[in-house]
All heavy atoms as atom14 arrays in JSON, in Angstrom:
{
  "sequence": "ESIEAFLEKGMTLRLACLKPNGDPFIVPCWHQWEKKEGCTHGKDCGC",
  "atom14_mask": [
    [1, 1, 1, 1, 1, 1, 1, 1, 1, 0, 0, 0, 0, 0],
    [1, 1, 1, 1, 1, 1, 0, 0, 0, 0, 0, 0, 0, 0],
    [1, 1, 1, 1, 1, 1, 1, 1, 0, 0, 0, 0, 0, 0],
    [1, 1, 1, 1, 1, 1, 1, 1, 1, 0, 0, 0, 0, 0],
    [1, 1, 1, 1, 1, 0, 0, 0, 0, 0, 0, 0, 0, 0],
    [1, 1, 1, 1, 1, 1, 1, 1, 1, 1, 1, 0, 0, 0],
    [1, 1, 1, 1, 1, 1, 1, 1, 0, 0, 0, 0, 0, 0],
    [1, 1, 1, 1, 1, 1, 1, 1, 1, 0, 0, 0, 0, 0],
    [1, 1, 1, 1, 1, 1, 1, 1, 1, 0, 0, 0, 0, 0],
    [1, 1, 1, 1, 0, 0, 0, 0, 0, 0, 0, 0, 0, 0],
    [1, 1, 1, 1, 1, 1, 1, 1, 0, 0, 0, 0, 0, 0],
    [1, 1, 1, 1, 1, 1, 1, 0, 0, 0, 0, 0, 0, 0],
    [1, 1, 1, 1, 1, 1, 1, 1, 0, 0, 0, 0, 0, 0],
    [1, 1, 1, 1, 1, 1, 1, 1, 1, 1, 1, 0, 0, 0],
    [1, 1, 1, 1, 1, 1, 1, 1, 0, 0, 0, 0, 0, 0],
    [1, 1, 1, 1, 1, 0, 0, 0, 0, 0, 0, 0, 0, 0],
    [1, 1, 1, 1, 1, 1, 0, 0, 0, 0, 0, 0, 0, 0],
    [1, 1, 1, 1, 1, 1, 1, 1, 0, 0, 0, 0, 0, 0],
    [1, 1, 1, 1, 1, 1, 1, 1, 1, 0, 0, 0, 0, 0],
    [1, 1, 1, 1, 1, 1, 1, 0, 0, 0, 0, 0, 0, 0],
    [1, 1, 1, 1, 1, 1, 1, 1, 0, 0, 0, 0, 0, 0],
    [1, 1, 1, 1, 0, 0, 0, 0, 0, 0, 0, 0, 0, 0],
    [1, 1, 1, 1, 1, 1, 1, 1, 0, 0, 0, 0, 0, 0],
    [1, 1, 1, 1, 1, 1, 1, 0, 0, 0, 0, 0, 0, 0],
    [1, 1, 1, 1, 1, 1, 1, 1, 1, 1, 1, 0, 0, 0],
    [1, 1, 1, 1, 1, 1, 1, 1, 0, 0, 0, 0, 0, 0],
    [1, 1, 1, 1, 1, 1, 1, 0, 0, 0, 0, 0, 0, 0],
    [1, 1, 1, 1, 1, 1, 1, 0, 0, 0, 0, 0, 0, 0],
    [1, 1, 1, 1, 1, 1, 0, 0, 0, 0, 0, 0, 0, 0],
    [1, 1, 1, 1, 1, 1, 1, 1, 1, 1, 1, 1, 1, 1],
    [1, 1, 1, 1, 1, 1, 1, 1, 1, 1, 0, 0, 0, 0],
    [1, 1, 1, 1, 1, 1, 1, 1, 1, 0, 0, 0, 0, 0],
    [1, 1, 1, 1, 1, 1, 1, 1, 1, 1, 1, 1, 1, 1],
    [1, 1, 1, 1, 1, 1, 1, 1, 1, 0, 0, 0, 0, 0],
    [1, 1, 1, 1, 1, 1, 1, 1, 1, 0, 0, 0, 0, 0],
    [1, 1, 1, 1, 1, 1, 1, 1, 1, 0, 0, 0, 0, 0],
    [1, 1, 1, 1, 1, 1, 1, 1, 1, 0, 0, 0, 0, 0],
    [1, 1, 1, 1, 0, 0, 0, 0, 0, 0, 0, 0, 0, 0],
    [1, 1, 1, 1, 1, 1, 0, 0, 0, 0, 0, 0, 0, 0],
    [1, 1, 1, 1, 1, 1, 1, 0, 0, 0, 0, 0, 0, 0],
    [1, 1, 1, 1, 1, 1, 1, 1, 1, 1, 0, 0, 0, 0],
    [1, 1, 1, 1, 0, 0, 0, 0, 0, 0, 0, 0, 0, 0],
    [1, 1, 1, 1, 1, 1, 1, 1, 1, 0, 0, 0, 0, 0],
    [1, 1, 1, 1, 1, 1, 1, 1, 0, 0, 0, 0, 0, 0],
    [1, 1, 1, 1, 1, 1, 0, 0, 0, 0, 0, 0, 0, 0],
    [1, 1, 1, 1, 0, 0, 0, 0, 0, 0, 0, 0, 0, 0],
    [1, 1, 1, 1, 1, 1, 0, 0, 0, 0, 0, 0, 0, 0]
  ],
  "atom14_positions": [
    [[29.45, 12.9, 24.36], [28.66, 11.89, 25.07], [29.12, 10.48, 24.68], [29.2, 9.58, 25.53], [27.17, 12.06, 24.75], [26.54, 13.33, 25.29], [26.92, 14.58, 24.49], [27.46, 14.42, 23.36], [26.7, 15.69, 25.0], [0.0, 0.0, 0.0], [0.0, 0.0, 0.0], [0.0, 0.0, 0.0], [0.0, 0.0, 0.0], [0.0, 0.0, 0.0]],
    [[29.42, 10.27, 23.41], [29.88, 8.96, 22.96], [31.25, 8.63, 23.53], [31.53, 7.49, 23.89], [29.93, 8.92, 21.42], [28.66, 9.09, 20.87], [0.0, 0.0, 0.0], [0.0, 0.0, 0.0], [0.0, 0.0, 0.0], [0.0, 0.0, 0.0], [0.0, 0.0, 0.0], [0.0, 0.0, 0.0], [0.0, 0.0, 0.0], [0.0, 0.0, 0.0]],
    [[32.11, 9.65, 23.61], [33.45, 9.45, 24.16], [33.35, 8.98, 25.61], [34.01, 8.01, 26.02], [34.27, 10.75, 24.08], [34.6, 11.08, 22.63], [35.57, 10.62, 24.9], [35.25, 12.44, 22.45], [0.0, 0.0, 0.0], [0.0, 0.0, 0.0], [0.0, 0.0, 0.0], [0.0, 0.0, 0.0], [0.0, 0.0, 0.0], [0.0, 0.0, 0.0]],
    [[32.53, 9.63, 26.39], [32.43, 9.3, 27.82], [31.81, 7.92, 28.03], [32.24, 7.17, 28.91], [31.66, 10.4, 28.54], [32.43, 11.72, 28.51], [31.75, 12.84, 29.26], [30.63, 12.62, 29.79], [32.33, 13.94, 29.32], [0.0, 0.0, 0.0], [0.0, 0.0, 0.0], [0.0, 0.0, 0.0], [0.0, 0.0, 0.0], [0.0, 0.0, 0.0]],
    [[30.82, 7.57, 27.22], [30.23, 6.23, 27.32], [31.28, 5.18, 26.95], [31.36, 4.11, 27.58], [29.02, 6.12, 26.39], [0.0, 0.0, 0.0], [0.0, 0.0, 0.0], [0.0, 0.0, 0.0], [0.0, 0.0, 0.0], [0.0, 0.0, 0.0], [0.0, 0.0, 0.0], [0.0, 0.0, 0.0], [0.0, 0.0, 0.0], [0.0, 0.0, 0.0]],
    [[32.1, 5.5, 25.97], [33.16, 4.58, 25.54], [34.21, 4.42, 26.63], [34.64, 3.3, 26.94], [33.79, 5.1, 24.25], [35.03, 4.35, 23.83], [34.96, 3.04, 23.41], [36.27, 4.96, 23.88], [36.09, 2.34, 23.02], [37.41, 4.29, 23.49], [37.32, 2.97, 23.07], [0.0, 0.0, 0.0], [0.0, 0.0, 0.0], [0.0, 0.0, 0.0]],
    [[34.66, 5.51, 27.22], [35.71, 5.45, 28.24], [35.24, 4.74, 29.5], [36.05, 4.23, 30.28], [36.2, 6.86, 28.57], [36.95, 7.59, 27.45], [37.32, 9.01, 27.89], [38.2, 6.82, 27.04], [0.0, 0.0, 0.0], [0.0, 0.0, 0.0], [0.0, 0.0, 0.0], [0.0, 0.0, 0.0], [0.0, 0.0, 0.0], [0.0, 0.0, 0.0]],
    [[33.94, 4.68, 29.72], [33.4, 3.98, 30.88], [33.45, 2.46, 30.7], [33.29, 1.72, 31.66], [31.95, 4.42, 31.14], [31.79, 5.83, 31.66], [32.19, 5.98, 33.13], [32.61, 4.97, 33.72], [32.07, 7.08, 33.67], [0.0, 0.0, 0.0], [0.0, 0.0, 0.0], [0.0, 0.0, 0.0], [0.0, 0.0, 0.0], [0.0, 0.0, 0.0]],
    [[33.66, 1.99, 29.47], [33.62, 0.55, 29.19], [34.73, -0.22, 29.91], [34.56, -1.38, 30.24], [33.74, 0.31, 27.69], [32.52, 0.68, 26.88], [32.74, 0.32, 25.41], [31.55, 0.64, 24.55], [31.78, 0.26, 23.13], [0.0, 0.0, 0.0], [0.0, 0.0, 0.0], [0.0, 0.0, 0.0], [0.0, 0.0, 0.0], [0.0, 0.0, 0.0]],
    [[35.88, 0.4, 30.09], [36.99, -0.32, 30.71], [37.78, -1.15, 29.73], [38.12, -2.31, 30.01], [0.0, 0.0, 0.0], [0.0, 0.0, 0.0], [0.0, 0.0, 0.0], [0.0, 0.0, 0.0], [0.0, 0.0, 0.0], [0.0, 0.0, 0.0], [0.0, 0.0, 0.0], [0.0, 0.0, 0.0], [0.0, 0.0, 0.0], [0.0, 0.0, 0.0]],
    [[38.08, -0.58, 28.57], [38.91, -1.27, 27.59], [40.38, -1.16, 28.0], [40.77, -0.28, 28.77], [38.72, -0.66, 26.2], [37.32, -0.81, 25.65], [36.96, -2.55, 25.29], [35.27, -2.44, 24.74], [0.0, 0.0, 0.0], [0.0, 0.0, 0.0], [0.0, 0.0, 0.0], [0.0, 0.0, 0.0], [0.0, 0.0, 0.0], [0.0, 0.0, 0.0]],
    [[41.19, -2.05, 27.48], [42.63, -2.01, 27.75], [43.25, -0.77, 27.1], [42.94, -0.43, 25.96], [43.32, -3.27, 27.21], [42.77, -4.4, 27.87], [44.82, -3.23, 27.43], [0.0, 0.0, 0.0], [0.0, 0.0, 0.0], [0.0, 0.0, 0.0], [0.0, 0.0, 0.0], [0.0, 0.0, 0.0], [0.0, 0.0, 0.0], [0.0, 0.0, 0.0]],
    [[44.13, -0.12, 27.83], [44.87, 1.03, 27.31], [46.23, 0.54, 26.84], [46.93, -0.17, 27.57], [45.03, 2.1, 28.39], [45.76, 3.39, 28.03], [45.15, 4.57, 28.8], [47.26, 3.3, 28.33], [0.0, 0.0, 0.0], [0.0, 0.0, 0.0], [0.0, 0.0, 0.0], [0.0, 0.0, 0.0], [0.0, 0.0, 0.0], [0.0, 0.0, 0.0]],
    [[46.58, 0.9, 25.61], [47.9, 0.55, 25.08], [48.79, 1.78, 25.18], [48.55, 2.78, 24.5], [47.77, 0.06, 23.63], [46.99, -1.25, 23.54], [46.63, -1.59, 22.1], [45.95, -2.88, 22.02], [44.65, -3.08, 22.25], [43.89, -2.04, 22.57], [44.1, -4.27, 22.16], [0.0, 0.0, 0.0], [0.0, 0.0, 0.0], [0.0, 0.0, 0.0]],
    [[49.78, 1.68, 26.02], [50.61, 2.83, 26.36], [51.97, 2.74, 25.69], [52.67, 1.73, 25.82], [50.79, 2.89, 27.89], [51.73, 3.96, 28.44], [51.21, 5.35, 28.12], [51.9, 3.78, 29.95], [0.0, 0.0, 0.0], [0.0, 0.0, 0.0], [0.0, 0.0, 0.0], [0.0, 0.0, 0.0], [0.0, 0.0, 0.0], [0.0, 0.0, 0.0]],
    [[52.34, 3.79, 25.0], [53.65, 3.85, 24.34], [54.51, 4.9, 25.03], [54.06, 6.01, 25.31], [53.49, 4.2, 22.87], [0.0, 0.0, 0.0], [0.0, 0.0, 0.0], [0.0, 0.0, 0.0], [0.0, 0.0, 0.0], [0.0, 0.0, 0.0], [0.0, 0.0, 0.0], [0.0, 0.0, 0.0], [0.0, 0.0, 0.0], [0.0, 0.0, 0.0]],
    [[55.75, 4.51, 25.34], [56.69, 5.43, 25.96], [58.07, 5.18, 25.36], [58.21, 4.43, 24.39], [56.7, 5.26, 27.48], [57.0, 3.57, 28.05], [0.0, 0.0, 0.0], [0.0, 0.0, 0.0], [0.0, 0.0, 0.0], [0.0, 0.0, 0.0], [0.0, 0.0, 0.0], [0.0, 0.0, 0.0], [0.0, 0.0, 0.0], [0.0, 0.0, 0.0]],
    [[59.09, 5.8, 25.92], [60.43, 5.69, 25.36], [61.42, 5.11, 26.36], [61.43, 5.49, 27.53], [60.92, 7.08, 24.91], [60.15, 7.72, 23.76], [60.59, 9.17, 23.57], [60.34, 6.93, 22.47], [0.0, 0.0, 0.0], [0.0, 0.0, 0.0], [0.0, 0.0, 0.0], [0.0, 0.0, 0.0], [0.0, 0.0, 0.0], [0.0, 0.0, 0.0]],
    [[62.26, 4.2, 25.87], [63.36, 3.69, 26.68], [64.45, 4.75, 26.76], [64.49, 5.69, 25.95], [63.93, 2.42, 26.04], [62.95, 1.26, 25.97], [63.61, 0.05, 25.3], [62.67, -1.13, 25.2], [63.31, -2.3, 24.57], [0.0, 0.0, 0.0], [0.0, 0.0, 0.0], [0.0, 0.0, 0.0], [0.0, 0.0, 0.0], [0.0, 0.0, 0.0]],
    [[65.36, 4.62, 27.72], [66.45, 5.62, 27.84], [67.28, 5.79, 26.57], [67.81, 6.88, 26.32], [67.29, 5.07, 28.99], [66.33, 4.31, 29.83], [65.38, 3.67, 28.86], [0.0, 0.0, 0.0], [0.0, 0.0, 0.0], [0.0, 0.0, 0.0], [0.0, 0.0, 0.0], [0.0, 0.0, 0.0], [0.0, 0.0, 0.0], [0.0, 0.0, 0.0]],
    [[67.4, 4.73, 25.76], [68.19, 4.85, 24.53], [67.38, 5.39, 23.36], [67.87, 5.48, 22.23], [68.8, 3.5, 24.15], [67.76, 2.46, 23.77], [66.55, 2.72, 23.82], [68.2, 1.27, 23.38], [0.0, 0.0, 0.0], [0.0, 0.0, 0.0], [0.0, 0.0, 0.0], [0.0, 0.0, 0.0], [0.0, 0.0, 0.0], [0.0, 0.0, 0.0]],
    [[66.11, 5.74, 23.61], [65.26, 6.31, 22.58], [64.38, 5.32, 21.84], [63.53, 5.71, 21.04], [0.0, 0.0, 0.0], [0.0, 0.0, 0.0], [0.0, 0.0, 0.0], [0.0, 0.0, 0.0], [0.0, 0.0, 0.0], [0.0, 0.0, 0.0], [0.0, 0.0, 0.0], [0.0, 0.0, 0.0], [0.0, 0.0, 0.0], [0.0, 0.0, 0.0]],
    [[64.57, 4.02, 22.09], [63.73, 3.01, 21.45], [62.3, 3.11, 21.99], [62.09, 3.38, 23.17], [64.26, 1.6, 21.71], [65.52, 1.29, 20.94], [65.84, 2.07, 20.01], [66.19, 0.29, 21.27], [0.0, 0.0, 0.0], [0.0, 0.0, 0.0], [0.0, 0.0, 0.0], [0.0, 0.0, 0.0], [0.0, 0.0, 0.0], [0.0, 0.0, 0.0]],
    [[61.31, 2.84, 21.13], [59.92, 2.86, 21.6], [59.6, 1.61, 22.42], [60.19, 0.55, 22.22], [59.11, 2.89, 20.3], [59.99, 2.23, 19.3], [61.41, 2.6, 19.68], [0.0, 0.0, 0.0], [0.0, 0.0, 0.0], [0.0, 0.0, 0.0], [0.0, 0.0, 0.0], [0.0, 0.0, 0.0], [0.0, 0.0, 0.0], [0.0, 0.0, 0.0]],
    [[58.65, 1.75, 23.32], [58.19, 0.63, 24.15], [56.68, 0.77, 24.31], [56.18, 1.87, 24.55], [58.85, 0.67, 25.53], [58.48, -0.47, 26.43], [59.17, -1.67, 26.38], [57.42, -0.37, 27.33], [58.84, -2.75, 27.2], [57.07, -1.43, 28.15], [57.78, -2.62, 28.09], [0.0, 0.0, 0.0], [0.0, 0.0, 0.0], [0.0, 0.0, 0.0]],
    [[55.97, -0.33, 24.15], [54.52, -0.29, 24.29], [54.05, -1.39, 25.21], [54.6, -2.51, 25.19], [53.83, -0.39, 22.9], [52.33, -0.13, 23.03], [54.11, -1.73, 22.25], [51.64, 0.12, 21.72], [0.0, 0.0, 0.0], [0.0, 0.0, 0.0], [0.0, 0.0, 0.0], [0.0, 0.0, 0.0], [0.0, 0.0, 0.0], [0.0, 0.0, 0.0]],
    [[53.05, -1.09, 26.04], [52.55, -2.06, 27.0], [51.03, -1.9, 27.13], [50.5, -0.79, 27.18], [53.22, -1.85, 28.39], [52.96, -0.47, 28.93], [52.79, -2.92, 29.37], [0.0, 0.0, 0.0], [0.0, 0.0, 0.0], [0.0, 0.0, 0.0], [0.0, 0.0, 0.0], [0.0, 0.0, 0.0], [0.0, 0.0, 0.0], [0.0, 0.0, 0.0]],
    [[50.29, -3.03, 27.14], [48.86, -2.96, 27.42], [48.65, -2.92, 28.93], [49.31, -3.66, 29.68], [48.32, -4.27, 26.81], [49.49, -5.2, 26.89], [50.74, -4.37, 26.77], [0.0, 0.0, 0.0], [0.0, 0.0, 0.0], [0.0, 0.0, 0.0], [0.0, 0.0, 0.0], [0.0, 0.0, 0.0], [0.0, 0.0, 0.0], [0.0, 0.0, 0.0]],
    [[47.78, -2.05, 29.4], [47.61, -1.95, 30.86], [46.19, -1.51, 31.22], [45.48, -0.91, 30.42], [48.64, -0.97, 31.45], [48.67, 0.66, 30.7], [0.0, 0.0, 0.0], [0.0, 0.0, 0.0], [0.0, 0.0, 0.0], [0.0, 0.0, 0.0], [0.0, 0.0, 0.0], [0.0, 0.0, 0.0], [0.0, 0.0, 0.0], [0.0, 0.0, 0.0]],
    [[45.83, -1.84, 32.45], [44.59, -1.33, 33.01], [44.74, 0.17, 33.24], [45.85, 0.68, 33.42], [44.3, -2.0, 34.35], [43.86, -3.42, 34.27], [43.74, -4.19, 33.14], [43.49, -4.25, 35.37], [43.31, -5.45, 33.47], [43.15, -5.52, 34.83], [43.41, -4.06, 36.74], [42.73, -6.57, 35.63], [42.98, -5.12, 37.54], [42.65, -6.37, 36.99]],
    [[43.61, 0.84, 33.24], [43.65, 2.27, 33.56], [42.35, 2.66, 34.25], [41.34, 1.95, 34.17], [43.83, 3.11, 32.28], [42.59, 3.15, 31.42], [42.21, 2.11, 30.61], [41.63, 4.11, 31.28], [41.08, 2.42, 29.99], [40.7, 3.63, 30.37], [0.0, 0.0, 0.0], [0.0, 0.0, 0.0], [0.0, 0.0, 0.0], [0.0, 0.0, 0.0]],
    [[42.39, 3.79, 34.92], [41.2, 4.35, 35.53], [41.04, 5.78, 35.04], [41.9, 6.62, 35.26], [41.29, 4.32, 37.07], [40.04, 4.8, 37.79], [38.84, 3.87, 37.56], [39.02, 2.68, 37.31], [37.64, 4.41, 37.64], [0.0, 0.0, 0.0], [0.0, 0.0, 0.0], [0.0, 0.0, 0.0], [0.0, 0.0, 0.0], [0.0, 0.0, 0.0]],
    [[39.95, 6.02, 34.33], [39.69, 7.33, 33.76], [39.04, 8.25, 34.79], [38.08, 7.87, 35.44], [38.78, 7.18, 32.54], [38.22, 8.48, 32.02], [38.92, 9.57, 31.65], [36.83, 8.8, 31.83], [38.06, 10.57, 31.22], [36.78, 10.11, 31.32], [35.65, 8.09, 32.01], [35.57, 10.73, 31.01], [34.45, 8.71, 31.7], [34.42, 10.02, 31.21]],
    [[39.59, 9.45, 34.94], [39.03, 10.45, 35.85], [38.72, 11.7, 35.05], [39.61, 12.38, 34.53], [40.03, 10.79, 36.97], [39.48, 11.77, 37.99], [40.47, 12.02, 39.12], [40.88, 11.04, 39.78], [40.86, 13.2, 39.32], [0.0, 0.0, 0.0], [0.0, 0.0, 0.0], [0.0, 0.0, 0.0], [0.0, 0.0, 0.0], [0.0, 0.0, 0.0]],
    [[37.44, 12.01, 34.93], [37.01, 13.13, 34.09], [37.28, 14.47, 34.77], [37.08, 14.63, 35.98], [35.52, 13.0, 33.78], [34.98, 14.14, 32.92], [33.48, 14.03, 32.72], [32.93, 15.22, 31.95], [31.46, 15.17, 31.79], [0.0, 0.0, 0.0], [0.0, 0.0, 0.0], [0.0, 0.0, 0.0], [0.0, 0.0, 0.0], [0.0, 0.0, 0.0]],
    [[37.73, 15.42, 33.97], [37.85, 16.8, 34.43], [36.54, 17.5, 34.15], [36.0, 17.43, 33.05], [38.99, 17.51, 33.7], [39.15, 18.97, 34.11], [40.25, 19.65, 33.31], [40.38, 21.12, 33.69], [41.42, 21.81, 32.9], [0.0, 0.0, 0.0], [0.0, 0.0, 0.0], [0.0, 0.0, 0.0], [0.0, 0.0, 0.0], [0.0, 0.0, 0.0]],
    [[35.99, 18.18, 35.14], [34.71, 18.84, 35.0], [34.73, 19.8, 33.81], [35.63, 20.63, 33.67], [34.36, 19.61, 36.27], [32.92, 20.11, 36.32], [31.91, 18.97, 36.34], [32.22, 17.91, 36.92], [30.82, 19.14, 35.76], [0.0, 0.0, 0.0], [0.0, 0.0, 0.0], [0.0, 0.0, 0.0], [0.0, 0.0, 0.0], [0.0, 0.0, 0.0]],
    [[33.73, 19.66, 32.95], [33.61, 20.56, 31.8], [34.45, 20.17, 30.6], [34.4, 20.83, 29.57], [0.0, 0.0, 0.0], [0.0, 0.0, 0.0], [0.0, 0.0, 0.0], [0.0, 0.0, 0.0], [0.0, 0.0, 0.0], [0.0, 0.0, 0.0], [0.0, 0.0, 0.0], [0.0, 0.0, 0.0], [0.0, 0.0, 0.0], [0.0, 0.0, 0.0]],
    [[35.21, 19.09, 30.7], [36.07, 18.68, 29.59], [35.24, 18.13, 28.44], [34.31, 17.35, 28.65], [37.07, 17.62, 30.06], [38.2, 17.07, 28.76], [0.0, 0.0, 0.0], [0.0, 0.0, 0.0], [0.0, 0.0, 0.0], [0.0, 0.0, 0.0], [0.0, 0.0, 0.0], [0.0, 0.0, 0.0], [0.0, 0.0, 0.0], [0.0, 0.0, 0.0]],
    [[35.58, 18.53, 27.22], [34.91, 18.01, 26.03], [35.82, 17.06, 25.25], [35.5, 16.66, 24.15], [34.47, 19.16, 25.1], [35.62, 19.91, 24.72], [33.46, 20.06, 25.79], [0.0, 0.0, 0.0], [0.0, 0.0, 0.0], [0.0, 0.0, 0.0], [0.0, 0.0, 0.0], [0.0, 0.0, 0.0], [0.0, 0.0, 0.0], [0.0, 0.0, 0.0]],
    [[37.0, 16.76, 25.83], [37.95, 15.8, 25.26], [38.5, 16.27, 23.91], [38.78, 15.48, 23.03], [37.32, 14.41, 25.11], [36.57, 14.0, 26.33], [37.21, 13.7, 27.51], [35.24, 13.89, 26.58], [36.3, 13.4, 28.44], [35.11, 13.51, 27.89], [0.0, 0.0, 0.0], [0.0, 0.0, 0.0], [0.0, 0.0, 0.0], [0.0, 0.0, 0.0]],
    [[38.66, 17.57, 23.8], [39.24, 18.14, 22.6], [40.72, 18.38, 22.78], [41.4, 17.68, 23.54], [0.0, 0.0, 0.0], [0.0, 0.0, 0.0], [0.0, 0.0, 0.0], [0.0, 0.0, 0.0], [0.0, 0.0, 0.0], [0.0, 0.0, 0.0], [0.0, 0.0, 0.0], [0.0, 0.0, 0.0], [0.0, 0.0, 0.0], [0.0, 0.0, 0.0]],
    [[41.22, 19.4, 22.12], [42.65, 19.68, 22.14], [43.17, 19.93, 23.55], [44.28, 19.54, 23.9], [42.94, 20.91, 21.27], [44.4, 21.28, 21.18], [44.6, 22.47, 20.26], [46.06, 22.87, 20.2], [46.27, 24.05, 19.34], [0.0, 0.0, 0.0], [0.0, 0.0, 0.0], [0.0, 0.0, 0.0], [0.0, 0.0, 0.0], [0.0, 0.0, 0.0]],
    [[42.35, 20.57, 24.39], [42.79, 20.91, 25.74], [42.21, 19.98, 26.79], [41.88, 20.38, 27.9], [42.4, 22.37, 26.07], [43.06, 23.37, 25.12], [44.24, 23.17, 24.83], [42.39, 24.31, 24.69], [0.0, 0.0, 0.0], [0.0, 0.0, 0.0], [0.0, 0.0, 0.0], [0.0, 0.0, 0.0], [0.0, 0.0, 0.0], [0.0, 0.0, 0.0]],
    [[42.06, 18.71, 26.45], [41.53, 17.72, 27.38], [42.37, 17.7, 28.66], [43.59, 17.58, 28.61], [41.54, 16.34, 26.73], [40.94, 15.01, 27.8], [0.0, 0.0, 0.0], [0.0, 0.0, 0.0], [0.0, 0.0, 0.0], [0.0, 0.0, 0.0], [0.0, 0.0, 0.0], [0.0, 0.0, 0.0], [0.0, 0.0, 0.0], [0.0, 0.0, 0.0]],
    [[41.71, 17.84, 29.78], [42.43, 17.85, 31.05], [42.11, 16.67, 31.93], [42.37, 16.69, 33.14], [0.0, 0.0, 0.0], [0.0, 0.0, 0.0], [0.0, 0.0, 0.0], [0.0, 0.0, 0.0], [0.0, 0.0, 0.0], [0.0, 0.0, 0.0], [0.0, 0.0, 0.0], [0.0, 0.0, 0.0], [0.0, 0.0, 0.0], [0.0, 0.0, 0.0]],
    [[41.54, 15.61, 31.35], [41.23, 14.41, 32.12], [42.52, 13.69, 32.52], [43.59, 13.95, 31.98], [40.35, 13.47, 31.3], [38.71, 14.13, 30.94], [0.0, 0.0, 0.0], [0.0, 0.0, 0.0], [0.0, 0.0, 0.0], [0.0, 0.0, 0.0], [0.0, 0.0, 0.0], [0.0, 0.0, 0.0], [0.0, 0.0, 0.0], [0.0, 0.0, 0.0]]
  ]
}
């Protein structure tokens, strides 16, 4: 319940990915959370 209330806030998402040469890259971005029915946001989170 706390996780879902938190995700509804609309905080900035900091996304880390990899450049083609393997260097890390991080960017702050907007996001839209879409909940998967029955998800408890554990190991098998499907959101």
